[in-house]
Amino acid sequence: MMQTKHLISFGFSLLLCGIICANANEFSDSSFGAGTTKVSQTVNTADLEKTADKYFYTGMESDDINKREAYLSRALEKYMLLLKLKPNDVTTCTQIAVIHDNLNHPGIAKTYFIRAVNLEKLNPFANFYYGEYYFAKREYQKALKYYLTAYNNGYRDSFPVNLRLATVYEKLGDLAKARIYYIAAEKQNPAQNGIRAKIESLEKIYYSKSDYQHN
C-alpha cells in the first residue's frame, strides 16, 4: 500500500521533528572535526546534545546512503559520550538504539531499546521507537505493545502514533480498530488525503461483510 507507506514516512519525520526540535542544517565535511572529545567535567552537555541532535537529524533526513551513515556515525559518537555523562538519560539511550537500528546493527539496537524502557517503562519516546524496531521486522504484535504504551502515556494526539496503530491493526486483521485510528490520524492531519481513501476503503469492507464483528 504505497499511500500508507508515504504517510508513515511523513509521520516518522513529523514525530522526529516535534521531539528533538533541532535545526537540520547541512554540515560541511570540515564540521566533523577530528577525534572524539574525552569525558570530563568541563564538557558542556547542552552543546554536546545539540551537536549530536544535528548530526542525527541530518542523517535521518538524508537520502544519500553514504551521507546518512556518516552523519549517524558521528551522532552515535556524540551520544555515546553523552550517555557516559548522563547514563540514565532515556532519550539519549533511545537515540543510540535508533542509530544502531538504521546502521543495521539490530542486536545492539535491541540492547539499547531494552535499556531505555527499563530506565523508564512508560516513556512514550522510547516505546514508540521500540515499536518501530519491531514494525520494521514485521513483528506486529510486539510493535503494537510498544505503540500502545506510547499512545497511553503522552502520545494520544500524535499523528504518527495513531497512523502506526491504524496500520498495525489493519495488518493484524482488526479492521474496526484500524478504522478508529485512521480517523484519529485524519483529524490530527486532515491534509493527508491518503488517509481519507484508506478510511473509505475500510468502511466498504466494514459494512459489506455480514460476519464482521462491529465492536
N, C-alpha and C. Protein backbone atom coordinates (compact mmCIF):
# COMPACT_ATOMS: atom_id res chain seq x y z
N MET A 1 0.83 -1.18 0.00
CA MET A 1 0.00 0.00 0.00
C MET A 1 0.87 1.24 0.00
N MET A 2 1.07 1.81 -1.21
CA MET A 2 2.01 2.90 -1.40
C MET A 2 1.62 4.14 -0.61
N GLN A 3 0.29 4.45 -0.60
CA GLN A 3 -0.14 5.66 0.11
C GLN A 3 0.20 5.56 1.59
N THR A 4 -0.07 4.40 2.19
CA THR A 4 0.23 4.22 3.61
C THR A 4 1.71 4.34 3.87
N LYS A 5 2.54 3.78 2.95
CA LYS A 5 3.99 3.85 3.12
C LYS A 5 4.46 5.29 3.15
N HIS A 6 3.93 6.13 2.24
CA HIS A 6 4.32 7.54 2.22
C HIS A 6 3.83 8.27 3.47
N LEU A 7 2.64 7.94 3.91
CA LEU A 7 2.11 8.58 5.11
C LEU A 7 2.95 8.25 6.33
N ILE A 8 3.38 7.00 6.43
CA ILE A 8 4.19 6.58 7.57
C ILE A 8 5.54 7.28 7.54
N SER A 9 6.13 7.38 6.34
CA SER A 9 7.41 8.08 6.21
C SER A 9 7.27 9.52 6.66
N PHE A 10 6.16 10.16 6.26
CA PHE A 10 5.90 11.53 6.68
C PHE A 10 5.72 11.61 8.19
N GLY A 11 5.01 10.64 8.73
CA GLY A 11 4.74 10.63 10.17
C GLY A 11 6.00 10.48 10.98
N PHE A 12 6.92 9.62 10.53
CA PHE A 12 8.17 9.43 11.23
C PHE A 12 8.93 10.74 11.33
N SER A 13 9.04 11.45 10.20
CA SER A 13 9.75 12.73 10.19
C SER A 13 9.07 13.74 11.08
N LEU A 14 7.73 13.74 11.08
CA LEU A 14 6.97 14.69 11.88
C LEU A 14 7.22 14.49 13.36
N LEU A 15 7.21 13.23 13.79
CA LEU A 15 7.44 12.94 15.20
C LEU A 15 8.85 13.28 15.59
N LEU A 16 9.80 12.96 14.72
CA LEU A 16 11.19 13.24 14.98
C LEU A 16 11.41 14.73 15.15
N CYS A 17 10.77 15.52 14.27
CA CYS A 17 10.90 16.98 14.34
C CYS A 17 10.31 17.52 15.63
N GLY A 18 9.16 17.00 16.02
CA GLY A 18 8.47 17.51 17.20
C GLY A 18 9.20 17.21 18.48
N ILE A 19 9.87 16.07 18.55
CA ILE A 19 10.51 15.66 19.80
C ILE A 19 11.90 16.26 19.96
N ILE A 20 12.69 16.20 18.89
CA ILE A 20 14.08 16.64 19.02
C ILE A 20 14.21 18.15 18.95
N CYS A 21 13.36 18.80 18.10
CA CYS A 21 13.35 20.26 17.97
C CYS A 21 14.73 20.83 17.66
N ALA A 22 15.38 20.26 16.67
CA ALA A 22 16.70 20.75 16.28
C ALA A 22 16.64 21.21 14.83
N ASN A 23 17.48 22.15 14.46
CA ASN A 23 17.54 22.61 13.08
C ASN A 23 18.43 21.69 12.28
N ALA A 24 17.87 21.14 11.22
CA ALA A 24 18.64 20.17 10.41
C ALA A 24 19.46 20.89 9.35
N ASN A 25 20.43 21.67 9.77
CA ASN A 25 21.30 22.36 8.83
C ASN A 25 22.37 21.43 8.32
N GLU A 26 22.68 21.51 7.02
CA GLU A 26 23.72 20.66 6.45
C GLU A 26 25.08 21.10 6.98
N PHE A 27 25.92 20.10 7.28
CA PHE A 27 27.27 20.36 7.72
C PHE A 27 28.24 20.16 6.57
N SER A 28 29.30 20.93 6.53
CA SER A 28 30.37 20.66 5.59
C SER A 28 31.23 19.55 6.17
N ASP A 29 32.08 18.94 5.34
CA ASP A 29 32.94 17.87 5.82
C ASP A 29 33.85 18.33 6.95
N SER A 30 34.23 19.61 6.92
CA SER A 30 35.13 20.13 7.95
C SER A 30 34.47 20.18 9.30
N SER A 31 33.13 20.18 9.35
CA SER A 31 32.42 20.26 10.63
C SER A 31 32.54 18.99 11.42
N PHE A 32 32.98 17.89 10.78
CA PHE A 32 33.12 16.64 11.51
C PHE A 32 34.27 16.72 12.50
N GLY A 33 35.25 17.53 12.22
CA GLY A 33 36.35 17.69 13.15
C GLY A 33 37.21 16.44 13.21
N ALA A 34 38.11 16.39 14.18
CA ALA A 34 38.99 15.23 14.31
C ALA A 34 38.99 14.73 15.73
N GLY A 35 38.88 13.40 15.85
CA GLY A 35 38.96 12.81 17.17
C GLY A 35 37.67 12.91 17.96
N THR A 36 37.67 12.30 19.13
CA THR A 36 36.50 12.28 19.99
C THR A 36 36.80 13.04 21.26
N THR A 37 35.86 13.90 21.68
CA THR A 37 36.03 14.64 22.91
C THR A 37 36.05 13.70 24.10
N LYS A 38 37.04 13.84 24.98
CA LYS A 38 37.12 12.98 26.15
C LYS A 38 36.11 13.41 27.20
N VAL A 39 35.64 12.44 27.95
CA VAL A 39 34.68 12.75 29.00
C VAL A 39 35.39 13.52 30.11
N SER A 40 34.86 14.65 30.46
CA SER A 40 35.42 15.43 31.57
C SER A 40 34.33 16.31 32.14
N GLN A 41 34.61 16.87 33.28
CA GLN A 41 33.63 17.72 33.94
C GLN A 41 33.44 19.03 33.18
N THR A 42 34.35 19.35 32.26
CA THR A 42 34.26 20.61 31.53
C THR A 42 33.40 20.49 30.28
N VAL A 43 32.97 19.28 29.93
CA VAL A 43 32.14 19.10 28.75
C VAL A 43 30.78 19.75 28.97
N ASN A 44 30.38 20.57 28.01
CA ASN A 44 29.08 21.22 28.08
C ASN A 44 28.05 20.25 27.48
N THR A 45 27.25 19.62 28.34
CA THR A 45 26.32 18.59 27.87
C THR A 45 25.25 19.15 26.94
N ALA A 46 24.85 20.40 27.17
CA ALA A 46 23.84 21.02 26.32
C ALA A 46 24.37 21.19 24.89
N ASP A 47 25.61 21.66 24.77
CA ASP A 47 26.22 21.83 23.45
C ASP A 47 26.45 20.47 22.79
N LEU A 48 26.88 19.51 23.59
CA LEU A 48 27.12 18.16 23.07
C LEU A 48 25.83 17.55 22.54
N GLU A 49 24.76 17.72 23.29
CA GLU A 49 23.46 17.19 22.87
C GLU A 49 22.97 17.88 21.60
N LYS A 50 23.17 19.19 21.53
CA LYS A 50 22.74 19.95 20.35
C LYS A 50 23.49 19.47 19.11
N THR A 51 24.79 19.27 19.24
CA THR A 51 25.59 18.80 18.11
C THR A 51 25.16 17.40 17.69
N ALA A 52 24.97 16.53 18.68
CA ALA A 52 24.54 15.15 18.40
C ALA A 52 23.20 15.14 17.68
N ASP A 53 22.29 15.96 18.15
CA ASP A 53 20.96 16.02 17.54
C ASP A 53 21.03 16.50 16.08
N LYS A 54 21.91 17.47 15.81
CA LYS A 54 22.04 17.97 14.44
C LYS A 54 22.57 16.89 13.51
N TYR A 55 23.59 16.17 13.97
CA TYR A 55 24.10 15.06 13.17
C TYR A 55 23.01 14.01 12.95
N PHE A 56 22.32 13.70 14.02
CA PHE A 56 21.27 12.68 13.99
C PHE A 56 20.17 13.08 13.01
N TYR A 57 19.70 14.30 13.15
CA TYR A 57 18.63 14.82 12.32
C TYR A 57 19.03 14.82 10.84
N THR A 58 20.22 15.33 10.58
CA THR A 58 20.68 15.42 9.20
C THR A 58 20.81 14.02 8.59
N GLY A 59 21.34 13.10 9.37
CA GLY A 59 21.48 11.73 8.88
C GLY A 59 20.15 11.08 8.59
N MET A 60 19.19 11.23 9.49
CA MET A 60 17.89 10.60 9.32
C MET A 60 17.12 11.17 8.14
N GLU A 61 17.39 12.44 7.80
CA GLU A 61 16.67 13.09 6.71
C GLU A 61 17.36 12.91 5.35
N SER A 62 18.59 12.40 5.36
CA SER A 62 19.34 12.30 4.12
C SER A 62 18.93 11.08 3.29
N ASP A 63 18.81 11.28 1.97
CA ASP A 63 18.51 10.18 1.06
C ASP A 63 19.78 9.53 0.52
N ASP A 64 20.90 10.18 0.77
CA ASP A 64 22.18 9.65 0.33
C ASP A 64 22.69 8.66 1.39
N ILE A 65 22.85 7.40 1.02
CA ILE A 65 23.22 6.36 1.98
C ILE A 65 24.55 6.67 2.66
N ASN A 66 25.54 7.09 1.89
CA ASN A 66 26.86 7.37 2.46
C ASN A 66 26.82 8.53 3.46
N LYS A 67 26.10 9.60 3.08
CA LYS A 67 25.97 10.74 3.99
C LYS A 67 25.19 10.34 5.23
N ARG A 68 24.15 9.57 5.00
CA ARG A 68 23.32 9.12 6.11
C ARG A 68 24.15 8.36 7.14
N GLU A 69 24.95 7.42 6.66
CA GLU A 69 25.77 6.62 7.57
C GLU A 69 26.83 7.48 8.25
N ALA A 70 27.40 8.43 7.51
CA ALA A 70 28.44 9.29 8.08
C ALA A 70 27.88 10.17 9.20
N TYR A 71 26.74 10.78 8.95
CA TYR A 71 26.14 11.64 9.97
C TYR A 71 25.67 10.84 11.18
N LEU A 72 25.06 9.70 10.93
CA LEU A 72 24.58 8.89 12.04
C LEU A 72 25.74 8.34 12.87
N SER A 73 26.84 8.02 12.22
CA SER A 73 28.01 7.53 12.94
C SER A 73 28.58 8.63 13.83
N ARG A 74 28.60 9.86 13.33
CA ARG A 74 29.06 10.98 14.14
C ARG A 74 28.10 11.26 15.29
N ALA A 75 26.81 11.15 15.00
CA ALA A 75 25.82 11.34 16.06
C ALA A 75 26.01 10.28 17.14
N LEU A 76 26.25 9.05 16.71
CA LEU A 76 26.44 7.96 17.66
C LEU A 76 27.63 8.23 18.57
N GLU A 77 28.71 8.72 17.98
CA GLU A 77 29.90 9.06 18.76
C GLU A 77 29.57 10.07 19.85
N LYS A 78 28.80 11.08 19.50
CA LYS A 78 28.45 12.12 20.47
C LYS A 78 27.47 11.60 21.52
N TYR A 79 26.49 10.80 21.08
CA TYR A 79 25.51 10.28 22.03
C TYR A 79 26.16 9.31 23.03
N MET A 80 27.12 8.53 22.56
CA MET A 80 27.80 7.61 23.47
C MET A 80 28.56 8.38 24.55
N LEU A 81 29.16 9.48 24.15
CA LEU A 81 29.84 10.34 25.12
C LEU A 81 28.82 10.95 26.07
N LEU A 82 27.70 11.39 25.52
CA LEU A 82 26.65 11.99 26.34
C LEU A 82 26.09 10.98 27.33
N LEU A 83 25.96 9.72 26.89
CA LEU A 83 25.42 8.69 27.78
C LEU A 83 26.36 8.39 28.93
N LYS A 84 27.66 8.55 28.70
CA LYS A 84 28.62 8.38 29.79
C LYS A 84 28.44 9.47 30.84
N LEU A 85 28.10 10.64 30.37
CA LEU A 85 27.87 11.77 31.27
C LEU A 85 26.52 11.69 31.96
N LYS A 86 25.51 11.14 31.22
CA LYS A 86 24.16 11.02 31.75
C LYS A 86 23.65 9.60 31.49
N PRO A 87 24.14 8.63 32.27
CA PRO A 87 23.83 7.21 32.00
C PRO A 87 22.37 6.83 32.12
N ASN A 88 21.57 7.65 32.76
CA ASN A 88 20.15 7.33 32.94
C ASN A 88 19.24 8.15 32.04
N ASP A 89 19.82 8.74 30.99
CA ASP A 89 19.02 9.56 30.09
C ASP A 89 18.32 8.67 29.06
N VAL A 90 17.00 8.58 29.16
CA VAL A 90 16.21 7.68 28.31
C VAL A 90 16.25 8.11 26.84
N THR A 91 16.16 9.40 26.60
CA THR A 91 16.14 9.89 25.22
C THR A 91 17.44 9.57 24.50
N THR A 92 18.57 9.83 25.16
CA THR A 92 19.87 9.53 24.55
C THR A 92 20.00 8.03 24.27
N CYS A 93 19.60 7.23 25.22
CA CYS A 93 19.67 5.79 25.06
C CYS A 93 18.82 5.33 23.87
N THR A 94 17.65 5.93 23.74
CA THR A 94 16.77 5.58 22.63
C THR A 94 17.36 6.02 21.29
N GLN A 95 17.95 7.19 21.25
CA GLN A 95 18.54 7.67 20.01
C GLN A 95 19.72 6.79 19.58
N ILE A 96 20.47 6.30 20.54
CA ILE A 96 21.56 5.37 20.22
C ILE A 96 20.98 4.09 19.62
N ALA A 97 19.88 3.62 20.18
CA ALA A 97 19.22 2.42 19.65
C ALA A 97 18.73 2.65 18.23
N VAL A 98 18.13 3.80 17.99
CA VAL A 98 17.61 4.13 16.65
C VAL A 98 18.76 4.16 15.64
N ILE A 99 19.87 4.76 16.03
CA ILE A 99 21.02 4.83 15.11
C ILE A 99 21.53 3.44 14.77
N HIS A 100 21.71 2.60 15.78
CA HIS A 100 22.19 1.24 15.54
C HIS A 100 21.22 0.48 14.64
N ASP A 101 19.94 0.71 14.84
CA ASP A 101 18.94 0.05 14.01
C ASP A 101 19.08 0.49 12.55
N ASN A 102 19.30 1.80 12.35
CA ASN A 102 19.46 2.33 10.99
C ASN A 102 20.79 1.95 10.36
N LEU A 103 21.79 1.64 11.18
CA LEU A 103 23.08 1.21 10.66
C LEU A 103 23.14 -0.32 10.53
N ASN A 104 21.97 -0.93 10.68
CA ASN A 104 21.85 -2.39 10.52
C ASN A 104 22.63 -3.16 11.58
N HIS A 105 22.49 -2.70 12.83
CA HIS A 105 23.05 -3.42 13.97
C HIS A 105 21.88 -3.79 14.89
N PRO A 106 21.00 -4.67 14.46
CA PRO A 106 19.77 -4.94 15.21
C PRO A 106 19.98 -5.45 16.64
N GLY A 107 21.01 -6.27 16.83
CA GLY A 107 21.25 -6.80 18.17
C GLY A 107 21.63 -5.71 19.16
N ILE A 108 22.52 -4.82 18.73
CA ILE A 108 22.94 -3.71 19.59
C ILE A 108 21.77 -2.76 19.80
N ALA A 109 21.01 -2.52 18.73
CA ALA A 109 19.84 -1.63 18.84
C ALA A 109 18.88 -2.15 19.90
N LYS A 110 18.60 -3.44 19.85
CA LYS A 110 17.66 -4.02 20.82
C LYS A 110 18.17 -3.88 22.24
N THR A 111 19.48 -4.03 22.43
CA THR A 111 20.07 -3.88 23.76
C THR A 111 19.79 -2.50 24.33
N TYR A 112 19.94 -1.48 23.48
CA TYR A 112 19.72 -0.12 23.96
C TYR A 112 18.23 0.21 24.12
N PHE A 113 17.39 -0.39 23.27
CA PHE A 113 15.95 -0.21 23.46
C PHE A 113 15.51 -0.80 24.80
N ILE A 114 16.01 -1.98 25.10
CA ILE A 114 15.68 -2.62 26.38
C ILE A 114 16.17 -1.77 27.54
N ARG A 115 17.37 -1.25 27.41
CA ARG A 115 17.92 -0.38 28.46
C ARG A 115 17.03 0.84 28.65
N ALA A 116 16.60 1.43 27.56
CA ALA A 116 15.77 2.63 27.64
C ALA A 116 14.44 2.36 28.34
N VAL A 117 13.75 1.30 27.94
CA VAL A 117 12.43 1.04 28.56
C VAL A 117 12.58 0.53 29.98
N ASN A 118 13.73 -0.06 30.31
CA ASN A 118 13.97 -0.46 31.70
C ASN A 118 14.23 0.76 32.58
N LEU A 119 14.85 1.78 32.00
CA LEU A 119 15.08 3.02 32.74
C LEU A 119 13.75 3.72 33.04
N GLU A 120 12.84 3.67 32.07
CA GLU A 120 11.54 4.34 32.22
C GLU A 120 10.52 3.58 31.37
N LYS A 121 9.84 2.65 31.99
CA LYS A 121 8.98 1.70 31.27
C LYS A 121 7.87 2.37 30.47
N LEU A 122 7.39 3.51 30.92
CA LEU A 122 6.26 4.16 30.25
C LEU A 122 6.68 5.34 29.39
N ASN A 123 7.95 5.51 29.18
CA ASN A 123 8.42 6.65 28.38
C ASN A 123 7.88 6.53 26.95
N PRO A 124 7.12 7.50 26.47
CA PRO A 124 6.49 7.37 25.15
C PRO A 124 7.49 7.41 24.00
N PHE A 125 8.55 8.20 24.13
CA PHE A 125 9.57 8.29 23.08
C PHE A 125 10.25 6.94 22.88
N ALA A 126 10.70 6.34 23.98
CA ALA A 126 11.38 5.05 23.91
C ALA A 126 10.45 3.97 23.39
N ASN A 127 9.22 3.98 23.86
CA ASN A 127 8.28 2.95 23.44
C ASN A 127 7.89 3.08 21.99
N PHE A 128 7.71 4.30 21.51
CA PHE A 128 7.36 4.47 20.10
C PHE A 128 8.45 3.89 19.19
N TYR A 129 9.70 4.23 19.48
CA TYR A 129 10.78 3.77 18.61
C TYR A 129 11.12 2.30 18.80
N TYR A 130 10.81 1.77 19.98
CA TYR A 130 10.94 0.32 20.15
C TYR A 130 9.86 -0.36 19.30
N GLY A 131 8.70 0.26 19.22
CA GLY A 131 7.65 -0.24 18.34
C GLY A 131 8.10 -0.20 16.89
N GLU A 132 8.79 0.88 16.49
CA GLU A 132 9.31 1.00 15.13
C GLU A 132 10.30 -0.13 14.82
N TYR A 133 11.10 -0.47 15.81
CA TYR A 133 12.08 -1.55 15.66
C TYR A 133 11.37 -2.85 15.26
N TYR A 134 10.30 -3.18 15.98
CA TYR A 134 9.58 -4.42 15.68
C TYR A 134 8.72 -4.30 14.42
N PHE A 135 8.20 -3.11 14.16
CA PHE A 135 7.39 -2.90 12.97
C PHE A 135 8.21 -3.20 11.72
N ALA A 136 9.45 -2.71 11.69
CA ALA A 136 10.32 -2.92 10.54
C ALA A 136 10.60 -4.41 10.31
N LYS A 137 10.52 -5.18 11.38
CA LYS A 137 10.76 -6.62 11.30
C LYS A 137 9.46 -7.41 11.11
N ARG A 138 8.36 -6.68 10.94
CA ARG A 138 7.04 -7.26 10.73
C ARG A 138 6.56 -8.11 11.91
N GLU A 139 7.06 -7.78 13.08
CA GLU A 139 6.59 -8.42 14.30
C GLU A 139 5.52 -7.50 14.90
N TYR A 140 4.34 -7.56 14.30
CA TYR A 140 3.32 -6.56 14.57
C TYR A 140 2.71 -6.63 15.96
N GLN A 141 2.60 -7.82 16.52
CA GLN A 141 2.06 -7.93 17.87
C GLN A 141 2.99 -7.25 18.88
N LYS A 142 4.29 -7.46 18.71
CA LYS A 142 5.25 -6.81 19.60
C LYS A 142 5.25 -5.31 19.38
N ALA A 143 5.20 -4.90 18.12
CA ALA A 143 5.17 -3.47 17.82
C ALA A 143 3.95 -2.82 18.45
N LEU A 144 2.81 -3.50 18.38
CA LEU A 144 1.56 -2.97 18.93
C LEU A 144 1.70 -2.68 20.42
N LYS A 145 2.34 -3.57 21.15
CA LYS A 145 2.53 -3.39 22.60
C LYS A 145 3.21 -2.05 22.90
N TYR A 146 4.25 -1.75 22.18
CA TYR A 146 5.02 -0.53 22.46
C TYR A 146 4.33 0.71 21.91
N TYR A 147 3.65 0.59 20.77
CA TYR A 147 2.88 1.73 20.26
C TYR A 147 1.77 2.11 21.24
N LEU A 148 1.10 1.11 21.79
CA LEU A 148 0.01 1.39 22.72
C LEU A 148 0.54 2.03 24.01
N THR A 149 1.72 1.59 24.45
CA THR A 149 2.31 2.21 25.64
C THR A 149 2.62 3.68 25.38
N ALA A 150 3.16 3.96 24.18
CA ALA A 150 3.43 5.35 23.82
C ALA A 150 2.13 6.15 23.75
N TYR A 151 1.13 5.56 23.13
CA TYR A 151 -0.18 6.22 22.96
C TYR A 151 -0.80 6.55 24.32
N ASN A 152 -0.73 5.63 25.25
CA ASN A 152 -1.38 5.80 26.55
C ASN A 152 -0.57 6.63 27.54
N ASN A 153 0.63 7.03 27.15
CA ASN A 153 1.47 7.78 28.08
C ASN A 153 2.04 9.06 27.47
N GLY A 154 1.19 9.75 26.71
CA GLY A 154 1.56 11.07 26.23
C GLY A 154 1.43 11.30 24.74
N TYR A 155 1.31 10.23 23.96
CA TYR A 155 1.25 10.38 22.52
C TYR A 155 -0.13 10.12 21.93
N ARG A 156 -1.14 10.30 22.73
CA ARG A 156 -2.51 10.06 22.26
C ARG A 156 -2.86 10.95 21.07
N ASP A 157 -2.35 12.16 21.06
CA ASP A 157 -2.67 13.10 19.98
C ASP A 157 -1.56 13.16 18.93
N SER A 158 -0.70 12.17 18.92
CA SER A 158 0.39 12.13 17.94
C SER A 158 -0.10 11.53 16.63
N PHE A 159 0.05 12.28 15.55
CA PHE A 159 -0.34 11.78 14.23
C PHE A 159 0.41 10.50 13.85
N PRO A 160 1.76 10.46 13.98
CA PRO A 160 2.48 9.25 13.59
C PRO A 160 2.07 8.02 14.41
N VAL A 161 1.82 8.23 15.70
CA VAL A 161 1.46 7.08 16.55
C VAL A 161 0.09 6.54 16.16
N ASN A 162 -0.88 7.42 15.95
CA ASN A 162 -2.20 6.97 15.52
C ASN A 162 -2.14 6.28 14.16
N LEU A 163 -1.30 6.81 13.28
CA LEU A 163 -1.15 6.21 11.96
C LEU A 163 -0.53 4.82 12.06
N ARG A 164 0.47 4.68 12.92
CA ARG A 164 1.10 3.38 13.12
C ARG A 164 0.11 2.38 13.72
N LEU A 165 -0.66 2.82 14.70
CA LEU A 165 -1.64 1.93 15.31
C LEU A 165 -2.66 1.47 14.27
N ALA A 166 -3.11 2.41 13.45
CA ALA A 166 -4.06 2.06 12.39
C ALA A 166 -3.47 1.02 11.45
N THR A 167 -2.23 1.24 11.06
CA THR A 167 -1.56 0.33 10.13
C THR A 167 -1.36 -1.05 10.73
N VAL A 168 -0.93 -1.09 12.00
CA VAL A 168 -0.70 -2.37 12.67
C VAL A 168 -1.99 -3.15 12.83
N TYR A 169 -3.05 -2.47 13.26
CA TYR A 169 -4.32 -3.16 13.42
C TYR A 169 -4.84 -3.68 12.08
N GLU A 170 -4.61 -2.92 11.04
CA GLU A 170 -5.02 -3.37 9.71
C GLU A 170 -4.25 -4.64 9.31
N LYS A 171 -2.95 -4.64 9.56
CA LYS A 171 -2.14 -5.79 9.22
C LYS A 171 -2.50 -7.01 10.06
N LEU A 172 -2.98 -6.77 11.28
CA LEU A 172 -3.38 -7.87 12.15
C LEU A 172 -4.82 -8.31 11.89
N GLY A 173 -5.51 -7.61 10.98
CA GLY A 173 -6.85 -8.01 10.59
C GLY A 173 -7.97 -7.42 11.43
N ASP A 174 -7.63 -6.53 12.37
CA ASP A 174 -8.67 -5.89 13.18
C ASP A 174 -9.05 -4.57 12.49
N LEU A 175 -9.93 -4.67 11.50
CA LEU A 175 -10.25 -3.51 10.68
C LEU A 175 -11.07 -2.46 11.42
N ALA A 176 -11.84 -2.89 12.42
CA ALA A 176 -12.63 -1.94 13.19
C ALA A 176 -11.72 -0.97 13.96
N LYS A 177 -10.70 -1.53 14.62
CA LYS A 177 -9.76 -0.67 15.35
C LYS A 177 -8.89 0.13 14.39
N ALA A 178 -8.52 -0.49 13.28
CA ALA A 178 -7.72 0.23 12.29
C ALA A 178 -8.46 1.49 11.83
N ARG A 179 -9.74 1.34 11.57
CA ARG A 179 -10.57 2.47 11.13
C ARG A 179 -10.60 3.58 12.17
N ILE A 180 -10.70 3.20 13.44
CA ILE A 180 -10.75 4.18 14.53
C ILE A 180 -9.48 5.03 14.55
N TYR A 181 -8.34 4.38 14.41
CA TYR A 181 -7.07 5.12 14.48
C TYR A 181 -6.77 5.89 13.20
N TYR A 182 -7.25 5.40 12.06
CA TYR A 182 -7.11 6.18 10.84
C TYR A 182 -7.93 7.47 10.95
N ILE A 183 -9.11 7.36 11.52
CA ILE A 183 -9.97 8.55 11.70
C ILE A 183 -9.29 9.55 12.63
N ALA A 184 -8.69 9.03 13.71
CA ALA A 184 -7.98 9.90 14.65
C ALA A 184 -6.80 10.59 13.96
N ALA A 185 -6.07 9.83 13.14
CA ALA A 185 -4.93 10.40 12.42
C ALA A 185 -5.38 11.49 11.45
N GLU A 186 -6.51 11.25 10.79
CA GLU A 186 -7.03 12.23 9.84
C GLU A 186 -7.41 13.53 10.55
N LYS A 187 -7.99 13.42 11.74
CA LYS A 187 -8.36 14.61 12.49
C LYS A 187 -7.12 15.43 12.86
N GLN A 188 -6.03 14.74 13.15
CA GLN A 188 -4.80 15.42 13.55
C GLN A 188 -4.06 16.01 12.36
N ASN A 189 -4.28 15.42 11.17
CA ASN A 189 -3.61 15.92 9.97
C ASN A 189 -4.53 15.75 8.77
N PRO A 190 -5.56 16.56 8.67
CA PRO A 190 -6.57 16.42 7.62
C PRO A 190 -6.04 16.64 6.20
N ALA A 191 -4.86 17.23 6.08
CA ALA A 191 -4.30 17.48 4.75
C ALA A 191 -3.82 16.20 4.07
N GLN A 192 -3.68 15.15 4.83
CA GLN A 192 -3.21 13.89 4.27
C GLN A 192 -4.37 13.14 3.61
N ASN A 193 -4.55 13.40 2.32
CA ASN A 193 -5.69 12.84 1.59
C ASN A 193 -5.68 11.33 1.53
N GLY A 194 -4.51 10.73 1.59
CA GLY A 194 -4.42 9.29 1.53
C GLY A 194 -5.15 8.59 2.65
N ILE A 195 -5.24 9.26 3.79
CA ILE A 195 -5.93 8.66 4.93
C ILE A 195 -7.43 8.56 4.66
N ARG A 196 -8.00 9.58 4.04
CA ARG A 196 -9.43 9.56 3.72
C ARG A 196 -9.75 8.38 2.81
N ALA A 197 -8.89 8.13 1.82
CA ALA A 197 -9.10 7.00 0.92
C ALA A 197 -9.02 5.69 1.68
N LYS A 198 -8.09 5.61 2.63
CA LYS A 198 -7.95 4.40 3.42
C LYS A 198 -9.19 4.17 4.29
N ILE A 199 -9.69 5.22 4.90
CA ILE A 199 -10.89 5.11 5.74
C ILE A 199 -12.08 4.65 4.90
N GLU A 200 -12.26 5.23 3.75
CA GLU A 200 -13.38 4.86 2.88
C GLU A 200 -13.26 3.40 2.42
N SER A 201 -12.03 2.97 2.17
CA SER A 201 -11.81 1.58 1.77
C SER A 201 -12.18 0.63 2.90
N LEU A 202 -11.77 0.97 4.12
CA LEU A 202 -12.10 0.12 5.26
C LEU A 202 -13.59 0.11 5.55
N GLU A 203 -14.24 1.26 5.34
CA GLU A 203 -15.68 1.34 5.59
C GLU A 203 -16.46 0.44 4.63
N LYS A 204 -15.98 0.33 3.41
CA LYS A 204 -16.64 -0.56 2.45
C LYS A 204 -16.55 -2.00 2.92
N ILE A 205 -15.39 -2.38 3.40
CA ILE A 205 -15.21 -3.74 3.91
C ILE A 205 -16.02 -3.93 5.19
N TYR A 206 -15.96 -2.92 6.04
CA TYR A 206 -16.61 -2.96 7.35
C TYR A 206 -18.11 -3.21 7.22
N TYR A 207 -18.73 -2.55 6.27
CA TYR A 207 -20.18 -2.65 6.15
C TYR A 207 -20.64 -3.71 5.15
N SER A 208 -19.71 -4.24 4.37
CA SER A 208 -20.11 -5.21 3.36
C SER A 208 -20.06 -6.65 3.84
N LYS A 209 -19.26 -6.91 4.88
CA LYS A 209 -19.14 -8.28 5.39
C LYS A 209 -20.17 -8.52 6.49
N SER A 210 -21.07 -9.44 6.24
CA SER A 210 -22.13 -9.69 7.21
C SER A 210 -21.61 -10.34 8.49
N ASP A 211 -20.46 -11.03 8.37
CA ASP A 211 -19.94 -11.71 9.54
C ASP A 211 -18.89 -10.87 10.27
N TYR A 212 -18.73 -9.63 9.88
CA TYR A 212 -17.75 -8.76 10.51
C TYR A 212 -18.23 -8.34 11.90
N GLN A 213 -17.33 -8.36 12.87
CA GLN A 213 -17.70 -8.02 14.23
C GLN A 213 -17.64 -6.51 14.42
N HIS A 214 -18.78 -5.90 14.66
CA HIS A 214 -18.86 -4.44 14.85
C HIS A 214 -18.72 -4.12 16.34
N ASN A 215 -17.50 -4.11 16.81
CA ASN A 215 -17.30 -3.76 18.21
C ASN A 215 -15.97 -3.06 18.39
